[in-house]
PDB file of all heavy atoms in Angstrom:
ATOM      1  N   ALA A   1      28.666 168.861  -6.306  1.00  0.00           N
ATOM      2  CA  ALA A   1      29.712 169.771  -6.777  1.00  0.00           C
ATOM      3  C   ALA A   1      31.098 169.152  -6.590  1.00  0.00           C
ATOM      4  O   ALA A   1      31.357 168.526  -5.488  1.00  0.00           O
ATOM      5  CB  ALA A   1      29.662 171.119  -6.071  1.00  0.00           C
ATOM      6  N   PHE A   2      31.973 169.256  -7.561  1.00  0.00           N
ATOM      7  CA  PHE A   2      33.313 168.711  -7.496  1.00  0.00           C
ATOM      8  C   PHE A   2      34.343 169.850  -7.550  1.00  0.00           C
ATOM      9  O   PHE A   2      34.242 170.779  -8.315  1.00  0.00           O
ATOM     10  CB  PHE A   2      33.529 167.765  -8.705  1.00  0.00           C
ATOM     11  CG  PHE A   2      32.571 166.617  -8.743  1.00  0.00           C
ATOM     12  CD1 PHE A   2      31.386 166.767  -9.560  1.00  0.00           C
ATOM     13  CD2 PHE A   2      32.752 165.475  -8.073  1.00  0.00           C
ATOM     14  CE1 PHE A   2      30.536 165.742  -9.565  1.00  0.00           C
ATOM     15  CE2 PHE A   2      31.851 164.420  -8.117  1.00  0.00           C
ATOM     16  CZ  PHE A   2      30.662 164.567  -8.900  1.00  0.00           C
ATOM     17  N   SER A   3      35.359 169.709  -6.685  1.00  0.00           N
ATOM     18  CA  SER A   3      36.430 170.704  -6.636  1.00  0.00           C
ATOM     19  C   SER A   3      37.732 170.064  -6.189  1.00  0.00           C
ATOM     20  O   SER A   3      37.737 168.859  -5.776  1.00  0.00           O
ATOM     21  CB  SER A   3      36.060 171.851  -5.733  1.00  0.00           C
ATOM     22  OG  SER A   3      35.824 171.374  -4.406  1.00  0.00           O
ATOM     23  N   GLY A   4      38.808 170.814  -6.166  1.00  0.00           N
ATOM     24  CA  GLY A   4      40.044 170.242  -5.764  1.00  0.00           C
ATOM     25  C   GLY A   4      41.023 171.394  -5.385  1.00  0.00           C
ATOM     26  O   GLY A   4      40.808 172.524  -5.647  1.00  0.00           O
ATOM     27  N   GLU A   5      42.092 170.983  -4.689  1.00  0.00           N
ATOM     28  CA  GLU A   5      43.139 171.922  -4.300  1.00  0.00           C
ATOM     29  C   GLU A   5      44.533 171.301  -4.539  1.00  0.00           C
ATOM     30  O   GLU A   5      44.692 170.091  -4.262  1.00  0.00           O
ATOM     31  CB  GLU A   5      42.999 172.306  -2.832  1.00  0.00           C
ATOM     32  CG  GLU A   5      41.779 173.129  -2.511  1.00  0.00           C
ATOM     33  CD  GLU A   5      41.714 173.550  -1.020  1.00  0.00           C
ATOM     34  OE1 GLU A   5      42.608 173.085  -0.282  1.00  0.00           O
ATOM     35  OE2 GLU A   5      40.800 174.226  -0.638  1.00  0.00           O
ATOM     36  N   LEU A   6      45.457 172.065  -5.001  1.00  0.00           N
ATOM     37  CA  LEU A   6      46.859 171.669  -5.039  1.00  0.00           C
ATOM     38  C   LEU A   6      47.642 172.837  -4.420  1.00  0.00           C
ATOM     39  O   LEU A   6      47.863 173.872  -5.060  1.00  0.00           O
ATOM     40  CB  LEU A   6      47.352 171.414  -6.506  1.00  0.00           C
ATOM     41  CG  LEU A   6      48.653 170.685  -6.662  1.00  0.00           C
ATOM     42  CD1 LEU A   6      48.763 170.032  -8.046  1.00  0.00           C
ATOM     43  CD2 LEU A   6      49.862 171.629  -6.424  1.00  0.00           C
ATOM     44  N   GLY A   7      47.960 172.683  -3.165  1.00  0.00           N
ATOM     45  CA  GLY A   7      48.588 173.764  -2.440  1.00  0.00           C
ATOM     46  C   GLY A   7      47.606 174.904  -2.255  1.00  0.00           C
ATOM     47  O   GLY A   7      46.517 174.747  -1.760  1.00  0.00           O
ATOM     48  N   ALA A   8      47.997 176.064  -2.795  1.00  0.00           N
ATOM     49  CA  ALA A   8      47.170 177.239  -2.729  1.00  0.00           C
ATOM     50  C   ALA A   8      46.272 177.364  -3.918  1.00  0.00           C
ATOM     51  O   ALA A   8      45.503 178.347  -3.989  1.00  0.00           O
ATOM     52  CB  ALA A   8      48.050 178.495  -2.619  1.00  0.00           C
ATOM     53  N   VAL A   9      46.353 176.545  -4.891  1.00  0.00           N
ATOM     54  CA  VAL A   9      45.521 176.601  -6.102  1.00  0.00           C
ATOM     55  C   VAL A   9      44.191 175.821  -5.888  1.00  0.00           C
ATOM     56  O   VAL A   9      44.209 174.629  -5.591  1.00  0.00           O
ATOM     57  CB  VAL A   9      46.255 176.016  -7.336  1.00  0.00           C
ATOM     58  CG1 VAL A   9      45.358 176.012  -8.546  1.00  0.00           C
ATOM     59  CG2 VAL A   9      47.557 176.732  -7.602  1.00  0.00           C
ATOM     60  N   SER A  10      43.095 176.513  -6.023  1.00  0.00           N
ATOM     61  CA  SER A  10      41.804 175.917  -5.918  1.00  0.00           C
ATOM     62  C   SER A  10      41.209 175.696  -7.299  1.00  0.00           C
ATOM     63  O   SER A  10      41.300 176.588  -8.145  1.00  0.00           O
ATOM     64  CB  SER A  10      40.839 176.776  -5.030  1.00  0.00           C
ATOM     65  OG  SER A  10      41.395 176.892  -3.737  1.00  0.00           O
ATOM     66  N   VAL A  11      40.525 174.628  -7.483  1.00  0.00           N
ATOM     67  CA  VAL A  11      39.976 174.258  -8.801  1.00  0.00           C
ATOM     68  C   VAL A  11      38.493 173.906  -8.633  1.00  0.00           C
ATOM     69  O   VAL A  11      38.130 173.114  -7.788  1.00  0.00           O
ATOM     70  CB  VAL A  11      40.704 173.085  -9.510  1.00  0.00           C
ATOM     71  CG1 VAL A  11      40.179 172.871 -10.906  1.00  0.00           C
ATOM     72  CG2 VAL A  11      42.206 173.297  -9.535  1.00  0.00           C
ATOM     73  N   ASP A  12      37.661 174.528  -9.492  1.00  0.00           N
ATOM     74  CA  ASP A  12      36.185 174.195  -9.549  1.00  0.00           C
ATOM     75  C   ASP A  12      35.971 173.351 -10.750  1.00  0.00           C
ATOM     76  O   ASP A  12      36.184 173.787 -11.866  1.00  0.00           O
ATOM     77  CB  ASP A  12      35.348 175.467  -9.610  1.00  0.00           C
ATOM     78  CG  ASP A  12      33.843 175.181  -9.767  1.00  0.00           C
ATOM     79  OD1 ASP A  12      33.469 174.055  -9.552  1.00  0.00           O
ATOM     80  OD2 ASP A  12      33.154 176.103 -10.161  1.00  0.00           O
ATOM     81  N   PHE A  13      35.536 172.080 -10.577  1.00  0.00           N
ATOM     82  CA  PHE A  13      35.309 171.205 -11.729  1.00  0.00           C
ATOM     83  C   PHE A  13      33.860 171.237 -12.170  1.00  0.00           C
ATOM     84  O   PHE A  13      33.523 170.612 -13.213  1.00  0.00           O
ATOM     85  CB  PHE A  13      35.693 169.747 -11.328  1.00  0.00           C
ATOM     86  CG  PHE A  13      37.150 169.550 -11.130  1.00  0.00           C
ATOM     87  CD1 PHE A  13      37.620 169.239  -9.801  1.00  0.00           C
ATOM     88  CD2 PHE A  13      38.045 169.659 -12.111  1.00  0.00           C
ATOM     89  CE1 PHE A  13      38.943 169.098  -9.543  1.00  0.00           C
ATOM     90  CE2 PHE A  13      39.401 169.490 -11.887  1.00  0.00           C
ATOM     91  CZ  PHE A  13      39.855 169.222 -10.567  1.00  0.00           C
ATOM     92  N   GLY A  14      32.970 171.929 -11.463  1.00  0.00           N
ATOM     93  CA  GLY A  14      31.621 172.005 -11.889  1.00  0.00           C
ATOM     94  C   GLY A  14      30.624 171.331 -10.995  1.00  0.00           C
ATOM     95  O   GLY A  14      30.970 170.687  -9.974  1.00  0.00           O
ATOM     96  N   SER A  15      29.348 171.528 -11.307  1.00  0.00           N
ATOM     97  CA  SER A  15      28.261 171.006 -10.463  1.00  0.00           C
ATOM     98  C   SER A  15      27.183 170.317 -11.321  1.00  0.00           C
ATOM     99  O   SER A  15      26.980 170.729 -12.457  1.00  0.00           O
ATOM    100  CB  SER A  15      27.597 172.101  -9.641  1.00  0.00           C
ATOM    101  OG  SER A  15      28.520 172.738  -8.803  1.00  0.00           O
ATOM    102  N   ILE A  16      26.597 169.310 -10.758  1.00  0.00           N
ATOM    103  CA  ILE A  16      25.475 168.605 -11.390  1.00  0.00           C
ATOM    104  C   ILE A  16      24.325 168.679 -10.481  1.00  0.00           C
ATOM    105  O   ILE A  16      24.345 168.337  -9.279  1.00  0.00           O
ATOM    106  CB  ILE A  16      25.833 167.143 -11.671  1.00  0.00           C
ATOM    107  CG1 ILE A  16      27.051 167.023 -12.535  1.00  0.00           C
ATOM    108  CG2 ILE A  16      24.658 166.394 -12.328  1.00  0.00           C
ATOM    109  CD1 ILE A  16      27.539 165.554 -12.709  1.00  0.00           C
ATOM    110  N   PHE A  17      23.186 169.162 -11.047  1.00  0.00           N
ATOM    111  CA  PHE A  17      21.890 169.204 -10.383  1.00  0.00           C
ATOM    112  C   PHE A  17      20.936 168.179 -10.965  1.00  0.00           C
ATOM    113  O   PHE A  17      20.857 167.992 -12.165  1.00  0.00           O
ATOM    114  CB  PHE A  17      21.355 170.589 -10.437  1.00  0.00           C
ATOM    115  CG  PHE A  17      22.243 171.659  -9.891  1.00  0.00           C
ATOM    116  CD1 PHE A  17      23.244 172.267 -10.693  1.00  0.00           C
ATOM    117  CD2 PHE A  17      22.096 172.155  -8.574  1.00  0.00           C
ATOM    118  CE1 PHE A  17      24.030 173.227 -10.223  1.00  0.00           C
ATOM    119  CE2 PHE A  17      22.949 173.136  -8.103  1.00  0.00           C
ATOM    120  CZ  PHE A  17      23.949 173.656  -8.905  1.00  0.00           C
ATOM    121  N   ALA A  18      20.151 167.567 -10.121  1.00  0.00           N
ATOM    122  CA  ALA A  18      19.171 166.587 -10.590  1.00  0.00           C
ATOM    123  C   ALA A  18      17.857 166.620  -9.887  1.00  0.00           C
ATOM    124  O   ALA A  18      17.777 166.951  -8.700  1.00  0.00           O
ATOM    125  CB  ALA A  18      19.734 165.172 -10.405  1.00  0.00           C
ATOM    126  N   THR A  19      16.808 166.418 -10.646  1.00  0.00           N
ATOM    127  CA  THR A  19      15.472 166.223 -10.106  1.00  0.00           C
ATOM    128  C   THR A  19      14.939 164.904 -10.793  1.00  0.00           C
ATOM    129  O   THR A  19      15.674 164.283 -11.484  1.00  0.00           O
ATOM    130  CB  THR A  19      14.502 167.365 -10.419  1.00  0.00           C
ATOM    131  OG1 THR A  19      14.200 167.381 -11.847  1.00  0.00           O
ATOM    132  CG2 THR A  19      15.075 168.683 -10.026  1.00  0.00           C
ATOM    133  N   THR A  20      13.744 164.533 -10.511  1.00  0.00           N
ATOM    134  CA  THR A  20      13.186 163.347 -11.150  1.00  0.00           C
ATOM    135  C   THR A  20      12.980 163.535 -12.658  1.00  0.00           C
ATOM    136  O   THR A  20      12.697 162.566 -13.339  1.00  0.00           O
ATOM    137  CB  THR A  20      11.863 162.905 -10.447  1.00  0.00           C
ATOM    138  OG1 THR A  20      10.905 164.004 -10.548  1.00  0.00           O
ATOM    139  CG2 THR A  20      12.077 162.549  -8.970  1.00  0.00           C
ATOM    140  N   GLU A  21      12.968 164.828 -13.063  1.00  0.00           N
ATOM    141  CA  GLU A  21      12.648 165.122 -14.491  1.00  0.00           C
ATOM    142  C   GLU A  21      13.841 165.600 -15.335  1.00  0.00           C
ATOM    143  O   GLU A  21      13.801 165.436 -16.551  1.00  0.00           O
ATOM    144  CB  GLU A  21      11.597 166.203 -14.516  1.00  0.00           C
ATOM    145  CG  GLU A  21      10.257 165.848 -13.816  1.00  0.00           C
ATOM    146  CD  GLU A  21       9.248 167.005 -13.849  1.00  0.00           C
ATOM    147  OE1 GLU A  21       9.632 168.077 -14.101  1.00  0.00           O
ATOM    148  OE2 GLU A  21       8.102 166.677 -13.496  1.00  0.00           O
ATOM    149  N   LYS A  22      14.888 166.115 -14.675  1.00  0.00           N
ATOM    150  CA  LYS A  22      15.989 166.708 -15.478  1.00  0.00           C
ATOM    151  C   LYS A  22      17.310 166.697 -14.772  1.00  0.00           C
ATOM    152  O   LYS A  22      17.380 166.561 -13.587  1.00  0.00           O
ATOM    153  CB  LYS A  22      15.642 168.097 -15.900  1.00  0.00           C
ATOM    154  CG  LYS A  22      15.507 169.067 -14.672  1.00  0.00           C
ATOM    155  CD  LYS A  22      15.071 170.441 -15.061  1.00  0.00           C
ATOM    156  CE  LYS A  22      14.989 171.359 -13.794  1.00  0.00           C
ATOM    157  NZ  LYS A  22      14.617 172.702 -14.156  1.00  0.00           N
ATOM    158  N   LEU A  23      18.367 166.825 -15.615  1.00  0.00           N
ATOM    159  CA  LEU A  23      19.706 167.066 -15.133  1.00  0.00           C
ATOM    160  C   LEU A  23      20.144 168.487 -15.598  1.00  0.00           C
ATOM    161  O   LEU A  23      19.876 168.834 -16.754  1.00  0.00           O
ATOM    162  CB  LEU A  23      20.689 166.095 -15.745  1.00  0.00           C
ATOM    163  CG  LEU A  23      20.771 164.620 -15.171  1.00  0.00           C
ATOM    164  CD1 LEU A  23      21.748 163.814 -16.006  1.00  0.00           C
ATOM    165  CD2 LEU A  23      21.220 164.638 -13.693  1.00  0.00           C
ATOM    166  N   VAL A  24      20.774 169.212 -14.738  1.00  0.00           N
ATOM    167  CA  VAL A  24      21.334 170.509 -15.144  1.00  0.00           C
ATOM    168  C   VAL A  24      22.799 170.530 -14.708  1.00  0.00           C
ATOM    169  O   VAL A  24      23.146 170.258 -13.562  1.00  0.00           O
ATOM    170  CB  VAL A  24      20.553 171.712 -14.437  1.00  0.00           C
ATOM    171  CG1 VAL A  24      21.178 173.041 -14.819  1.00  0.00           C
ATOM    172  CG2 VAL A  24      19.109 171.679 -14.867  1.00  0.00           C
ATOM    173  N   VAL A  25      23.665 170.898 -15.629  1.00  0.00           N
ATOM    174  CA  VAL A  25      25.109 170.884 -15.404  1.00  0.00           C
ATOM    175  C   VAL A  25      25.644 172.342 -15.495  1.00  0.00           C
ATOM    176  O   VAL A  25      25.355 173.063 -16.502  1.00  0.00           O
ATOM    177  CB  VAL A  25      25.841 169.960 -16.365  1.00  0.00           C
ATOM    178  CG1 VAL A  25      27.360 169.999 -16.128  1.00  0.00           C
ATOM    179  CG2 VAL A  25      25.310 168.563 -16.341  1.00  0.00           C
ATOM    180  N   ALA A  26      26.385 172.736 -14.498  1.00  0.00           N
ATOM    181  CA  ALA A  26      27.071 174.001 -14.513  1.00  0.00           C
ATOM    182  C   ALA A  26      28.609 173.741 -14.534  1.00  0.00           C
ATOM    183  O   ALA A  26      29.130 173.064 -13.692  1.00  0.00           O
ATOM    184  CB  ALA A  26      26.711 174.831 -13.249  1.00  0.00           C
ATOM    185  N   LEU A  27      29.242 174.262 -15.605  1.00  0.00           N
ATOM    186  CA  LEU A  27      30.690 174.082 -15.794  1.00  0.00           C
ATOM    187  C   LEU A  27      31.435 175.317 -15.617  1.00  0.00           C
ATOM    188  O   LEU A  27      30.928 176.386 -16.019  1.00  0.00           O
ATOM    189  CB  LEU A  27      30.916 173.410 -17.152  1.00  0.00           C
ATOM    190  CG  LEU A  27      30.276 172.019 -17.382  1.00  0.00           C
ATOM    191  CD1 LEU A  27      30.426 171.662 -18.835  1.00  0.00           C
ATOM    192  CD2 LEU A  27      30.914 171.006 -16.475  1.00  0.00           C
ATOM    193  N   PRO A  28      32.681 175.286 -15.067  1.00  0.00           N
ATOM    194  CA  PRO A  28      33.416 176.537 -14.769  1.00  0.00           C
ATOM    195  C   PRO A  28      33.833 177.312 -16.014  1.00  0.00           C
ATOM    196  O   PRO A  28      34.062 178.487 -15.924  1.00  0.00           O
ATOM    197  CB  PRO A  28      34.615 176.011 -13.992  1.00  0.00           C
ATOM    198  CG  PRO A  28      34.799 174.595 -14.428  1.00  0.00           C
ATOM    199  CD  PRO A  28      33.470 174.099 -14.614  1.00  0.00           C
ATOM    200  N   PHE A  29      33.861 176.649 -17.198  1.00  0.00           N
ATOM    201  CA  PHE A  29      34.300 177.324 -18.375  1.00  0.00           C
ATOM    202  C   PHE A  29      33.186 177.748 -19.275  1.00  0.00           C
ATOM    203  O   PHE A  29      33.392 178.260 -20.395  1.00  0.00           O
ATOM    204  CB  PHE A  29      35.311 176.395 -19.130  1.00  0.00           C
ATOM    205  CG  PHE A  29      34.841 175.003 -19.243  1.00  0.00           C
ATOM    206  CD1 PHE A  29      33.913 174.606 -20.205  1.00  0.00           C
ATOM    207  CD2 PHE A  29      35.338 174.076 -18.418  1.00  0.00           C
ATOM    208  CE1 PHE A  29      33.493 173.302 -20.288  1.00  0.00           C
ATOM    209  CE2 PHE A  29      34.916 172.701 -18.455  1.00  0.00           C
ATOM    210  CZ  PHE A  29      33.987 172.338 -19.429  1.00  0.00           C
ATOM    211  N   LEU A  30      31.950 177.517 -18.877  1.00  0.00           N
ATOM    212  CA  LEU A  30      30.744 177.900 -19.670  1.00  0.00           C
ATOM    213  C   LEU A  30      29.849 178.860 -18.857  1.00  0.00           C
ATOM    214  O   LEU A  30      29.596 178.618 -17.681  1.00  0.00           O
ATOM    215  CB  LEU A  30      29.949 176.660 -20.092  1.00  0.00           C
ATOM    216  CG  LEU A  30      30.514 175.801 -21.202  1.00  0.00           C
ATOM    217  CD1 LEU A  30      29.546 174.638 -21.479  1.00  0.00           C
ATOM    218  CD2 LEU A  30      30.710 176.611 -22.504  1.00  0.00           C
ATOM    219  N   ASN A  31      29.411 179.863 -19.540  1.00  0.00           N
ATOM    220  CA  ASN A  31      28.451 180.772 -18.895  1.00  0.00           C
ATOM    221  C   ASN A  31      27.018 180.158 -18.914  1.00  0.00           C
ATOM    222  O   ASN A  31      26.205 180.481 -18.016  1.00  0.00           O
ATOM    223  CB  ASN A  31      28.413 182.171 -19.611  1.00  0.00           C
ATOM    224  CG  ASN A  31      29.714 182.898 -19.436  1.00  0.00           C
ATOM    225  OD1 ASN A  31      30.346 182.846 -18.376  1.00  0.00           O
ATOM    226  ND2 ASN A  31      30.145 183.598 -20.436  1.00  0.00           N
ATOM    227  N   GLU A  32      26.748 179.360 -19.970  1.00  0.00           N
ATOM    228  CA  GLU A  32      25.501 178.747 -20.062  1.00  0.00           C
ATOM    229  C   GLU A  32      25.302 177.435 -19.247  1.00  0.00           C
ATOM    230  O   GLU A  32      26.292 176.739 -19.018  1.00  0.00           O
ATOM    231  CB  GLU A  32      25.179 178.359 -21.530  1.00  0.00           C
ATOM    232  CG  GLU A  32      25.372 179.478 -22.523  1.00  0.00           C
ATOM    233  CD  GLU A  32      26.748 179.508 -23.140  1.00  0.00           C
ATOM    234  OE1 GLU A  32      27.679 178.961 -22.477  1.00  0.00           O
ATOM    235  OE2 GLU A  32      26.929 180.107 -24.200  1.00  0.00           O
ATOM    236  N   LEU A  33      24.141 177.213 -18.749  1.00  0.00           N
ATOM    237  CA  LEU A  33      23.836 175.976 -18.098  1.00  0.00           C
ATOM    238  C   LEU A  33      23.524 174.910 -19.200  1.00  0.00           C
ATOM    239  O   LEU A  33      22.994 175.268 -20.285  1.00  0.00           O
ATOM    240  CB  LEU A  33      22.628 176.052 -17.217  1.00  0.00           C
ATOM    241  CG  LEU A  33      22.833 176.947 -15.957  1.00  0.00           C
ATOM    242  CD1 LEU A  33      21.488 177.149 -15.276  1.00  0.00           C
ATOM    243  CD2 LEU A  33      23.835 176.364 -15.003  1.00  0.00           C
TER     244      LEU A  33
END
């Protein structure tokens, strides 16, 4: 998972999940995986 902060502002850049068979990406601006 990637994130950041600028002062009091917190930012979620999203997460990447992996297994030996697949990648799954969760992005902060999309409801769908």
